Amino acid sequence: MSGYARRQLVDFLIARVFEPVLSASAPGRSEADKLTLIEVQEATRFEIDRFRALASAEDVVKTFRRDLASPASRKIHGDLKRLRLPSLPDVEDEFERKVRAFGVDA
């Protein structure tokens, strides 16, 4: 179950947060926003790789929760909000419901 839960949680984050960021386009944005978009897209690629490399559902949950509070992540969350793109806090409630449904204890 843990492998299945890990995959489902990572896939959820990719679909709901990471892919929309990666597929965002620059046209119509200011030069500053275009640069910010490039930066958050690079960070998002790193995040996808990081989450995919985690060994267990518990590790996914711990990493998600840690990312909600870390200063570096908070800056990125602020940039994403300013760009009107989703970030981890936007899906926190739904993610936590999935964690409970899978019975993950982290």
PDB file of N, CA and C in Angstrom:
ATOM      1  N   MET A   1       0.821  -1.209   0.000  1.00  0.00           N
ATOM      2  CA  MET A   1       0.000   0.000   0.000  1.00  0.00           C
ATOM      3  C   MET A   1       0.856   1.260   0.000  1.00  0.00           C
ATOM      4  N   SER A   2       1.972   1.231   0.722  1.00  0.00           N
ATOM      5  CA  SER A   2       2.785   2.428   0.831  1.00  0.00           C
ATOM      6  C   SER A   2       3.318   2.878  -0.524  1.00  0.00           C
ATOM      7  N   GLY A   3       3.742   1.924  -1.378  1.00  0.00           N
ATOM      8  CA  GLY A   3       4.213   2.291  -2.712  1.00  0.00           C
ATOM      9  C   GLY A   3       3.104   2.907  -3.545  1.00  0.00           C
ATOM     10  N   TYR A   4       1.916   2.318  -3.427  1.00  0.00           N
ATOM     11  CA  TYR A   4       0.758   2.854  -4.147  1.00  0.00           C
ATOM     12  C   TYR A   4       0.421   4.249  -3.615  1.00  0.00           C
ATOM     13  N   ALA A   5       0.386   4.393  -2.301  1.00  0.00           N
ATOM     14  CA  ALA A   5       0.064   5.684  -1.687  1.00  0.00           C
ATOM     15  C   ALA A   5       1.115   6.723  -2.075  1.00  0.00           C
ATOM     16  N   ARG A   6       2.392   6.349  -2.051  1.00  0.00           N
ATOM     17  CA  ARG A   6       3.459   7.269  -2.435  1.00  0.00           C
ATOM     18  C   ARG A   6       3.236   7.775  -3.851  1.00  0.00           C
ATOM     19  N   ARG A   7       2.991   6.855  -4.753  1.00  0.00           N
ATOM     20  CA  ARG A   7       2.785   7.210  -6.158  1.00  0.00           C
ATOM     21  C   ARG A   7       1.556   8.110  -6.323  1.00  0.00           C
ATOM     22  N   GLN A   8       0.475   7.785  -5.648  1.00  0.00           N
ATOM     23  CA  GLN A   8      -0.750   8.577  -5.762  1.00  0.00           C
ATOM     24  C   GLN A   8      -0.549   9.997  -5.217  1.00  0.00           C
ATOM     25  N   LEU A   9       0.152  10.118  -4.097  1.00  0.00           N
ATOM     26  CA  LEU A   9       0.386  11.442  -3.512  1.00  0.00           C
ATOM     27  C   LEU A   9       1.295  12.282  -4.412  1.00  0.00           C
ATOM     28  N   VAL A  10       2.344  11.677  -4.936  1.00  0.00           N
ATOM     29  CA  VAL A  10       3.251  12.405  -5.833  1.00  0.00           C
ATOM     30  C   VAL A  10       2.512  12.788  -7.117  1.00  0.00           C
ATOM     31  N   ASP A  11       1.763  11.866  -7.679  1.00  0.00           N
ATOM     32  CA  ASP A  11       1.004  12.164  -8.899  1.00  0.00           C
ATOM     33  C   ASP A  11       0.002  13.291  -8.670  1.00  0.00           C
ATOM     34  N   PHE A  12      -0.620  13.315  -7.499  1.00  0.00           N
ATOM     35  CA  PHE A  12      -1.553  14.382  -7.153  1.00  0.00           C
ATOM     36  C   PHE A  12      -0.843  15.734  -7.172  1.00  0.00           C
ATOM     37  N   LEU A  13       0.324  15.808  -6.524  1.00  0.00           N
ATOM     38  CA  LEU A  13       1.061  17.073  -6.487  1.00  0.00           C
ATOM     39  C   LEU A  13       1.516  17.498  -7.875  1.00  0.00           C
ATOM     40  N   ILE A  14       1.947  16.551  -8.670  1.00  0.00           N
ATOM     41  CA  ILE A  14       2.374  16.876 -10.032  1.00  0.00           C
ATOM     42  C   ILE A  14       1.195  17.419 -10.840  1.00  0.00           C
ATOM     43  N   ALA A  15       0.066  16.749 -10.768  1.00  0.00           N
ATOM     44  CA  ALA A  15      -1.100  17.157 -11.562  1.00  0.00           C
ATOM     45  C   ALA A  15      -1.690  18.488 -11.098  1.00  0.00           C
ATOM     46  N   ARG A  16      -1.777  18.686  -9.782  1.00  0.00           N
ATOM     47  CA  ARG A  16      -2.490  19.857  -9.263  1.00  0.00           C
ATOM     48  C   ARG A  16      -1.624  21.099  -9.073  1.00  0.00           C
ATOM     49  N   VAL A  17      -0.320  20.912  -8.875  1.00  0.00           N
ATOM     50  CA  VAL A  17       0.548  22.060  -8.606  1.00  0.00           C
ATOM     51  C   VAL A  17       1.657  22.186  -9.643  1.00  0.00           C
ATOM     52  N   PHE A  18       2.438  21.138  -9.804  1.00  0.00           N
ATOM     53  CA  PHE A  18       3.659  21.262 -10.594  1.00  0.00           C
ATOM     54  C   PHE A  18       3.415  21.404 -12.089  1.00  0.00           C
ATOM     55  N   GLU A  19       2.564  20.577 -12.670  1.00  0.00           N
ATOM     56  CA  GLU A  19       2.302  20.669 -14.120  1.00  0.00           C
ATOM     57  C   GLU A  19       1.713  22.020 -14.525  1.00  0.00           C
ATOM     58  N   PRO A  20       0.737  22.571 -13.770  1.00  0.00           N
ATOM     59  CA  PRO A  20       0.234  23.898 -14.160  1.00  0.00           C
ATOM     60  C   PRO A  20       1.318  24.974 -14.165  1.00  0.00           C
ATOM     61  N   VAL A  21       2.279  24.855 -13.252  1.00  0.00           N
ATOM     62  CA  VAL A  21       3.383  25.819 -13.230  1.00  0.00           C
ATOM     63  C   VAL A  21       4.255  25.631 -14.464  1.00  0.00           C
ATOM     64  N   LEU A  22       4.588  24.376 -14.769  1.00  0.00           N
ATOM     65  CA  LEU A  22       5.445  24.112 -15.925  1.00  0.00           C
ATOM     66  C   LEU A  22       4.790  24.491 -17.244  1.00  0.00           C
ATOM     67  N   SER A  23       3.485  24.392 -17.314  1.00  0.00           N
ATOM     68  CA  SER A  23       2.800  24.697 -18.575  1.00  0.00           C
ATOM     69  C   SER A  23       2.388  26.165 -18.700  1.00  0.00           C
ATOM     70  N   ALA A  24       2.664  26.964 -17.679  1.00  0.00           N
ATOM     71  CA  ALA A  24       2.330  28.394 -17.748  1.00  0.00           C
ATOM     72  C   ALA A  24       3.187  29.059 -18.816  1.00  0.00           C
ATOM     73  N   SER A  25       2.607  30.035 -19.485  1.00  0.00           N
ATOM     74  CA  SER A  25       3.338  30.701 -20.559  1.00  0.00           C
ATOM     75  C   SER A  25       3.664  32.142 -20.180  1.00  0.00           C
ATOM     76  N   ALA A  26       4.648  32.688 -20.850  1.00  0.00           N
ATOM     77  CA  ALA A  26       5.145  34.026 -20.551  1.00  0.00           C
ATOM     78  C   ALA A  26       4.414  35.158 -21.277  1.00  0.00           C
ATOM     79  N   PRO A  27       3.827  34.926 -22.471  1.00  0.00           N
ATOM     80  CA  PRO A  27       3.206  36.050 -23.180  1.00  0.00           C
ATOM     81  C   PRO A  27       2.199  36.809 -22.314  1.00  0.00           C
ATOM     82  N   GLY A  28       2.269  38.126 -22.423  1.00  0.00           N
ATOM     83  CA  GLY A  28       1.351  38.976 -21.685  1.00  0.00           C
ATOM     84  C   GLY A  28       1.841  39.317 -20.285  1.00  0.00           C
ATOM     85  N   ARG A  29       2.956  38.750 -19.871  1.00  0.00           N
ATOM     86  CA  ARG A  29       3.503  39.035 -18.543  1.00  0.00           C
ATOM     87  C   ARG A  29       4.581  40.110 -18.661  1.00  0.00           C
ATOM     88  N   SER A  30       4.790  40.831 -17.568  1.00  0.00           N
ATOM     89  CA  SER A  30       5.865  41.830 -17.544  1.00  0.00           C
ATOM     90  C   SER A  30       7.211  41.122 -17.618  1.00  0.00           C
ATOM     91  N   GLU A  31       8.249  41.881 -17.919  1.00  0.00           N
ATOM     92  CA  GLU A  31       9.593  41.297 -17.986  1.00  0.00           C
ATOM     93  C   GLU A  31       9.973  40.687 -16.638  1.00  0.00           C
ATOM     94  N   ALA A  32       9.652  41.370 -15.556  1.00  0.00           N
ATOM     95  CA  ALA A  32       9.971  40.849 -14.221  1.00  0.00           C
ATOM     96  C   ALA A  32       9.229  39.542 -13.967  1.00  0.00           C
ATOM     97  N   ASP A  33       7.951  39.504 -14.355  1.00  0.00           N
ATOM     98  CA  ASP A  33       7.171  38.276 -14.163  1.00  0.00           C
ATOM     99  C   ASP A  33       7.682  37.137 -15.045  1.00  0.00           C
ATOM    100  N   LYS A  34       8.169  37.472 -16.239  1.00  0.00           N
ATOM    101  CA  LYS A  34       8.736  36.434 -17.107  1.00  0.00           C
ATOM    102  C   LYS A  34       9.960  35.803 -16.457  1.00  0.00           C
ATOM    103  N   LEU A  35      10.804  36.629 -15.869  1.00  0.00           N
ATOM    104  CA  LEU A  35      11.990  36.114 -15.180  1.00  0.00           C
ATOM    105  C   LEU A  35      11.598  35.277 -13.962  1.00  0.00           C
ATOM    106  N   THR A  36      10.607  35.764 -13.222  1.00  0.00           N
ATOM    107  CA  THR A  36      10.125  35.014 -12.057  1.00  0.00           C
ATOM    108  C   THR A  36       9.545  33.678 -12.501  1.00  0.00           C
ATOM    109  N   LEU A  37       8.806  33.673 -13.597  1.00  0.00           N
ATOM    110  CA  LEU A  37       8.229  32.435 -14.113  1.00  0.00           C
ATOM    111  C   LEU A  37       9.324  31.428 -14.458  1.00  0.00           C
ATOM    112  N   ILE A  38      10.374  31.890 -15.102  1.00  0.00           N
ATOM    113  CA  ILE A  38      11.487  30.991 -15.434  1.00  0.00           C
ATOM    114  C   ILE A  38      12.088  30.409 -14.159  1.00  0.00           C
ATOM    115  N   GLU A  39      12.263  31.242 -13.144  1.00  0.00           N
ATOM    116  CA  GLU A  39      12.836  30.783 -11.877  1.00  0.00           C
ATOM    117  C   GLU A  39      11.941  29.745 -11.198  1.00  0.00           C
ATOM    118  N   VAL A  40      10.636  30.017 -11.137  1.00  0.00           N
ATOM    119  CA  VAL A  40       9.755  29.068 -10.443  1.00  0.00           C
ATOM    120  C   VAL A  40       9.591  27.781 -11.252  1.00  0.00           C
ATOM    121  N   GLN A  41       9.686  27.879 -12.566  1.00  0.00           N
ATOM    122  CA  GLN A  41       9.622  26.657 -13.375  1.00  0.00           C
ATOM    123  C   GLN A  41      10.862  25.788 -13.145  1.00  0.00           C
ATOM    124  N   GLU A  42      12.032  26.416 -13.012  1.00  0.00           N
ATOM    125  CA  GLU A  42      13.247  25.655 -12.700  1.00  0.00           C
ATOM    126  C   GLU A  42      13.125  24.989 -11.331  1.00  0.00           C
ATOM    127  N   ALA A  43      12.646  25.734 -10.354  1.00  0.00           N
ATOM    128  CA  ALA A  43      12.456  25.187  -9.011  1.00  0.00           C
ATOM    129  C   ALA A  43      11.439  24.053  -9.028  1.00  0.00           C
ATOM    130  N   THR A  44      10.417  24.181  -9.858  1.00  0.00           N
ATOM    131  CA  THR A  44       9.372  23.160  -9.955  1.00  0.00           C
ATOM    132  C   THR A  44       9.925  21.871 -10.547  1.00  0.00           C
ATOM    133  N   ARG A  45      10.767  21.974 -11.544  1.00  0.00           N
ATOM    134  CA  ARG A  45      11.394  20.763 -12.107  1.00  0.00           C
ATOM    135  C   ARG A  45      12.205  20.036 -11.038  1.00  0.00           C
ATOM    136  N   PHE A  46      12.927  20.795 -10.241  1.00  0.00           N
ATOM    137  CA  PHE A  46      13.700  20.220  -9.146  1.00  0.00           C
ATOM    138  C   PHE A  46      12.762  19.534  -8.144  1.00  0.00           C
ATOM    139  N   GLU A  47      11.651  20.193  -7.819  1.00  0.00           N
ATOM    140  CA  GLU A  47      10.689  19.632  -6.860  1.00  0.00           C
ATOM    141  C   GLU A  47      10.089  18.320  -7.365  1.00  0.00           C
ATOM    142  N   ILE A  48       9.753  18.259  -8.622  1.00  0.00           N
ATOM    143  CA  ILE A  48       9.209  17.017  -9.180  1.00  0.00           C
ATOM    144  C   ILE A  48      10.226  15.892  -9.005  1.00  0.00           C
ATOM    145  N   ASP A  49      11.456  16.146  -9.372  1.00  0.00           N
ATOM    146  CA  ASP A  49      12.498  15.122  -9.222  1.00  0.00           C
ATOM    147  C   ASP A  49      12.673  14.735  -7.764  1.00  0.00           C
ATOM    148  N   ARG A  50      12.638  15.713  -6.889  1.00  0.00           N
ATOM    149  CA  ARG A  50      12.820  15.452  -5.460  1.00  0.00           C
ATOM    150  C   ARG A  50      11.686  14.585  -4.915  1.00  0.00           C
ATOM    151  N   PHE A  51      10.446  14.927  -5.246  1.00  0.00           N
ATOM    152  CA  PHE A  51       9.312  14.147  -4.759  1.00  0.00           C
ATOM    153  C   PHE A  51       9.310  12.741  -5.361  1.00  0.00           C
ATOM    154  N   ARG A  52       9.639  12.641  -6.634  1.00  0.00           N
ATOM    155  CA  ARG A  52       9.668  11.312  -7.271  1.00  0.00           C
ATOM    156  C   ARG A  52      10.735  10.403  -6.667  1.00  0.00           C
ATOM    157  N   ALA A  53      11.813  10.983  -6.141  1.00  0.00           N
ATOM    158  CA  ALA A  53      12.911  10.202  -5.576  1.00  0.00           C
ATOM    159  C   ALA A  53      12.631   9.712  -4.156  1.00  0.00           C
ATOM    160  N   LEU A  54      11.583  10.215  -3.539  1.00  0.00           N
ATOM    161  CA  LEU A  54      11.289   9.808  -2.158  1.00  0.00           C
ATOM    162  C   LEU A  54      10.864   8.348  -2.117  1.00  0.00           C
ATOM    163  N   ALA A  55      11.294   7.662  -1.066  1.00  0.00           N
ATOM    164  CA  ALA A  55      11.136   6.209  -0.998  1.00  0.00           C
ATOM    165  C   ALA A  55       9.771   5.752  -0.488  1.00  0.00           C
ATOM    166  N   SER A  56       9.075   6.598   0.257  1.00  0.00           N
ATOM    167  CA  SER A  56       7.832   6.134   0.872  1.00  0.00           C
ATOM    168  C   SER A  56       6.784   7.243   0.905  1.00  0.00           C
ATOM    169  N   ALA A  57       5.542   6.841   1.134  1.00  0.00           N
ATOM    170  CA  ALA A  57       4.456   7.812   1.280  1.00  0.00           C
ATOM    171  C   ALA A  57       4.718   8.704   2.490  1.00  0.00           C
ATOM    172  N   GLU A  58       5.267   8.123   3.545  1.00  0.00           N
ATOM    173  CA  GLU A  58       5.580   8.904   4.741  1.00  0.00           C
ATOM    174  C   GLU A  58       6.590  10.001   4.416  1.00  0.00           C
ATOM    175  N   ASP A  59       7.581   9.674   3.592  1.00  0.00           N
ATOM    176  CA  ASP A  59       8.573  10.678   3.187  1.00  0.00           C
ATOM    177  C   ASP A  59       7.929  11.783   2.352  1.00  0.00           C
ATOM    178  N   VAL A  60       6.982  11.418   1.505  1.00  0.00           N
ATOM    179  CA  VAL A  60       6.274  12.420   0.701  1.00  0.00           C
ATOM    180  C   VAL A  60       5.522  13.375   1.621  1.00  0.00           C
ATOM    181  N   VAL A  61       4.832  12.834   2.610  1.00  0.00           N
ATOM    182  CA  VAL A  61       4.054  13.662   3.538  1.00  0.00           C
ATOM    183  C   VAL A  61       4.981  14.566   4.343  1.00  0.00           C
ATOM    184  N   LYS A  62       6.063  14.024   4.872  1.00  0.00           N
ATOM    185  CA  LYS A  62       7.011  14.836   5.647  1.00  0.00           C
ATOM    186  C   LYS A  62       7.603  15.953   4.799  1.00  0.00           C
ATOM    187  N   THR A  63       7.967  15.645   3.571  1.00  0.00           N
ATOM    188  CA  THR A  63       8.552  16.644   2.683  1.00  0.00           C
ATOM    189  C   THR A  63       7.533  17.722   2.340  1.00  0.00           C
ATOM    190  N   PHE A  64       6.305  17.314   2.046  1.00  0.00           N
ATOM    191  CA  PHE A  64       5.240  18.276   1.752  1.00  0.00           C
ATOM    192  C   PHE A  64       5.068  19.236   2.926  1.00  0.00           C
ATOM    193  N   ARG A  65       4.940  18.692   4.121  1.00  0.00           N
ATOM    194  CA  ARG A  65       4.717  19.530   5.307  1.00  0.00           C
ATOM    195  C   ARG A  65       5.909  20.440   5.586  1.00  0.00           C
ATOM    196  N   ARG A  66       7.109  19.931   5.397  1.00  0.00           N
ATOM    197  CA  ARG A  66       8.318  20.731   5.604  1.00  0.00           C
ATOM    198  C   ARG A  66       8.360  21.870   4.584  1.00  0.00           C
ATOM    199  N   ASP A  67       7.983  21.572   3.345  1.00  0.00           N
ATOM    200  CA  ASP A  67       7.991  22.591   2.293  1.00  0.00           C
ATOM    201  C   ASP A  67       6.969  23.698   2.538  1.00  0.00           C
ATOM    202  N   LEU A  68       5.907  23.389   3.229  1.00  0.00           N
ATOM    203  CA  LEU A  68       4.919  24.426   3.533  1.00  0.00           C
ATOM    204  C   LEU A  68       5.518  25.506   4.438  1.00  0.00           C
ATOM    205  N   ALA A  69       6.439  25.108   5.298  1.00  0.00           N
ATOM    206  CA  ALA A  69       6.960  26.013   6.314  1.00  0.00           C
ATOM    207  C   ALA A  69       8.341  26.587   6.018  1.00  0.00           C
ATOM    208  N   SER A  70       9.081  26.013   5.083  1.00  0.00           N
ATOM    209  CA  SER A  70      10.456  26.465   4.871  1.00  0.00           C
ATOM    210  C   SER A  70      10.483  27.866   4.257  1.00  0.00           C
ATOM    211  N   PRO A  71      11.423  28.703   4.696  1.00  0.00           N
ATOM    212  CA  PRO A  71      11.519  30.062   4.151  1.00  0.00           C
ATOM    213  C   PRO A  71      11.717  30.091   2.631  1.00  0.00           C
ATOM    214  N   ALA A  72      12.551  29.195   2.105  1.00  0.00           N
ATOM    215  CA  ALA A  72      12.782  29.184   0.653  1.00  0.00           C
ATOM    216  C   ALA A  72      11.500  28.843  -0.088  1.00  0.00           C
ATOM    217  N   SER A  73      10.764  27.857   0.426  1.00  0.00           N
ATOM    218  CA  SER A  73       9.502  27.481  -0.214  1.00  0.00           C
ATOM    219  C   SER A  73       8.469  28.586  -0.095  1.00  0.00           C
ATOM    220  N   ARG A  74       8.447  29.271   1.035  1.00  0.00           N
ATOM    221  CA  ARG A  74       7.484  30.363   1.209  1.00  0.00           C
ATOM    222  C   ARG A  74       7.700  31.455   0.167  1.00  0.00           C
ATOM    223  N   LYS A  75       8.963  31.740  -0.161  1.00  0.00           N
ATOM    224  CA  LYS A  75       9.240  32.736  -1.189  1.00  0.00           C
ATOM    225  C   LYS A  75       8.663  32.277  -2.525  1.00  0.00           C
ATOM    226  N   ILE A  76       8.893  31.009  -2.862  1.00  0.00           N
ATOM    227  CA  ILE A  76       8.372  30.479  -4.124  1.00  0.00           C
ATOM    228  C   ILE A  76       6.846  30.484  -4.109  1.00  0.00           C
ATOM    229  N   HIS A  77       6.242  30.112  -2.972  1.00  0.00           N
ATOM    230  CA  HIS A  77       4.772  30.143  -2.883  1.00  0.00           C
ATOM    231  C   HIS A  77       4.254  31.560  -3.140  1.00  0.00           C
ATOM    232  N   GLY A  78       4.951  32.568  -2.595  1.00  0.00           N
ATOM    233  CA  GLY A  78       4.563  33.958  -2.819  1.00  0.00           C
ATOM    234  C   GLY A  78       4.693  34.354  -4.283  1.00  0.00           C
ATOM    235  N   ASP A  79       5.794  33.929  -4.904  1.00  0.00           N
ATOM    236  CA  ASP A  79       5.983  34.221  -6.336  1.00  0.00           C
ATOM    237  C   ASP A  79       4.878  33.570  -7.159  1.00  0.00           C
ATOM    238  N   LEU A  80       4.559  32.316  -6.845  1.00  0.00           N
ATOM    239  CA  LEU A  80       3.509  31.613  -7.598  1.00  0.00           C
ATOM    240  C   LEU A  80       2.161  32.294  -7.422  1.00  0.00           C
ATOM    241  N   LYS A  81       1.867  32.721  -6.204  1.00  0.00           N
ATOM    242  CA  LYS A  81       0.590  33.404  -5.949  1.00  0.00           C
ATOM    243  C   LYS A  81       0.529  34.700  -6.757  1.00  0.00           C
ATOM    244  N   ARG A  82       1.641  35.439  -6.775  1.00  0.00           N
ATOM    245  CA  ARG A  82       1.684  36.688  -7.539  1.00  0.00           C
ATOM    246  C   ARG A  82       1.484  36.436  -9.026  1.00  0.00           C
ATOM    247  N   LEU A  83       1.995  35.297  -9.511  1.00  0.00           N
ATOM    248  CA  LEU A  83       1.837  34.928 -10.918  1.00  0.00           C
ATOM    249  C   LEU A  83       0.492  34.252 -11.203  1.00  0.00           C
ATOM    250  N   ARG A  84      -0.321  34.112 -10.155  1.00  0.00           N
ATOM    251  CA  ARG A  84      -1.631  33.447 -10.247  1.00  0.00           C
ATOM    252  C   ARG A  84      -1.490  31.980 -10.673  1.00  0.00           C
ATOM    253  N   LEU A  85      -0.501  31.314 -10.071  1.00  0.00           N
ATOM    254  CA  LEU A  85      -0.268  29.892 -10.320  1.00  0.00           C
ATOM    255  C   LEU A  85      -0.426  29.133  -9.009  1.00  0.00           C
ATOM    256  N   PRO A  86      -0.773  27.860  -9.084  1.00  0.00           N
ATOM    257  CA  PRO A  86      -0.984  27.089  -7.854  1.00  0.00           C
ATOM    258  C   PRO A  86       0.327  26.795  -7.130  1.00  0.00           C
ATOM    259  N   SER A  87       0.218  26.641  -5.819  1.00  0.00           N
ATOM    260  CA  SER A  87       1.367  26.236  -5.013  1.00  0.00           C
ATOM    261  C   SER A  87       0.891  25.255  -3.947  1.00  0.00           C
ATOM    262  N   LEU A  88       1.820  24.696  -3.211  1.00  0.00           N
ATOM    263  CA  LEU A  88       1.479  23.660  -2.233  1.00  0.00           C
ATOM    264  C   LEU A  88       0.404  24.088  -1.232  1.00  0.00           C
ATOM    265  N   PRO A  89       0.446  25.307  -0.674  1.00  0.00           N
ATOM    266  CA  PRO A  89      -0.617  25.676   0.263  1.00  0.00           C
ATOM    267  C   PRO A  89      -2.030  25.616  -0.341  1.00  0.00           C
ATOM    268  N   ASP A  90      -2.130  25.801  -1.645  1.00  0.00           N
ATOM    269  CA  ASP A  90      -3.438  25.761  -2.307  1.00  0.00           C
ATOM    270  C   ASP A  90      -4.084  24.388  -2.250  1.00  0.00           C
ATOM    271  N   VAL A  91      -3.273  23.342  -2.145  1.00  0.00           N
ATOM    272  CA  VAL A  91      -3.811  21.974  -2.152  1.00  0.00           C
ATOM    273  C   VAL A  91      -3.635  21.275  -0.808  1.00  0.00           C
ATOM    274  N   GLU A  92      -3.219  22.023   0.213  1.00  0.00           N
ATOM    275  CA  GLU A  92      -2.915  21.414   1.509  1.00  0.00           C
ATOM    276  C   GLU A  92      -4.087  20.603   2.070  1.00  0.00           C
ATOM    277  N   ASP A  93      -5.276  21.170   2.101  1.00  0.00           N
ATOM    278  CA  ASP A  93      -6.427  20.460   2.672  1.00  0.00           C
ATOM    279  C   ASP A  93      -6.723  19.172   1.913  1.00  0.00           C
ATOM    280  N   GLU A  94      -6.732  19.248   0.589  1.00  0.00           N
ATOM    281  CA  GLU A  94      -7.024  18.060  -0.217  1.00  0.00           C
ATOM    282  C   GLU A  94      -5.911  17.013  -0.066  1.00  0.00           C
ATOM    283  N   PHE A  95      -4.672  17.463  -0.015  1.00  0.00           N
ATOM    284  CA  PHE A  95      -3.543  16.548   0.183  1.00  0.00           C
ATOM    285  C   PHE A  95      -3.691  15.827   1.527  1.00  0.00           C
ATOM    286  N   GLU A  96      -3.990  16.568   2.579  1.00  0.00           N
ATOM    287  CA  GLU A  96      -4.132  15.961   3.909  1.00  0.00           C
ATOM    288  C   GLU A  96      -5.308  14.978   3.953  1.00  0.00           C
ATOM    289  N   ARG A  97      -6.369  15.250   3.217  1.00  0.00           N
ATOM    290  CA  ARG A  97      -7.488  14.288   3.138  1.00  0.00           C
ATOM    291  C   ARG A  97      -7.015  13.001   2.485  1.00  0.00           C
ATOM    292  N   LYS A  98      -6.212  13.122   1.443  1.00  0.00           N
ATOM    293  CA  LYS A  98      -5.673  11.925   0.778  1.00  0.00           C
ATOM    294  C   LYS A  98      -4.741  11.157   1.719  1.00  0.00           C
ATOM    295  N   VAL A  99      -3.936  11.872   2.471  1.00  0.00           N
ATOM    296  CA  VAL A  99      -3.035  11.229   3.435  1.00  0.00           C
ATOM    297  C   VAL A  99      -3.855  10.401   4.423  1.00  0.00           C
ATOM    298  N   ARG A 100      -4.911  10.994   4.972  1.00  0.00           N
ATOM    299  CA  ARG A 100      -5.772  10.262   5.916  1.00  0.00           C
ATOM    300  C   ARG A 100      -6.448   9.083   5.254  1.00  0.00           C
ATOM    301  N   ALA A 101      -6.918   9.270   4.019  1.00  0.00           N
ATOM    302  CA  ALA A 101      -7.609   8.192   3.312  1.00  0.00           C
ATOM    303  C   ALA A 101      -6.669   7.006   3.064  1.00  0.00           C
ATOM    304  N   PHE A 102      -5.404   7.290   2.813  1.00  0.00           N
ATOM    305  CA  PHE A 102      -4.423   6.216   2.603  1.00  0.00           C
ATOM    306  C   PHE A 102      -3.905   5.643   3.909  1.00  0.00           C
ATOM    307  N   GLY A 103      -4.240   6.310   5.018  1.00  0.00           N
ATOM    308  CA  GLY A 103      -3.773   5.830   6.313  1.00  0.00           C
ATOM    309  C   GLY A 103      -2.280   6.007   6.519  1.00  0.00           C
ATOM    310  N   VAL A 104      -1.733   7.033   5.886  1.00  0.00           N
ATOM    311  CA  VAL A 104      -0.294   7.289   6.019  1.00  0.00           C
ATOM    312  C   VAL A 104      -0.048   7.965   7.359  1.00  0.00           C
ATOM    313  N   ASP A 105       0.903   7.435   8.101  1.00  0.00           N
ATOM    314  CA  ASP A 105       1.259   7.980   9.403  1.00  0.00           C
ATOM    315  C   ASP A 105       2.643   8.590   9.312  1.00  0.00           C
ATOM    316  N   ALA A 106       2.677   9.909   9.268  1.00  0.00           N
ATOM    317  CA  ALA A 106       3.974  10.568   9.130  1.00  0.00           C
ATOM    318  C   ALA A 106       4.132  11.652  10.179  1.00  0.00           C
TER     319      ALA A 106
END
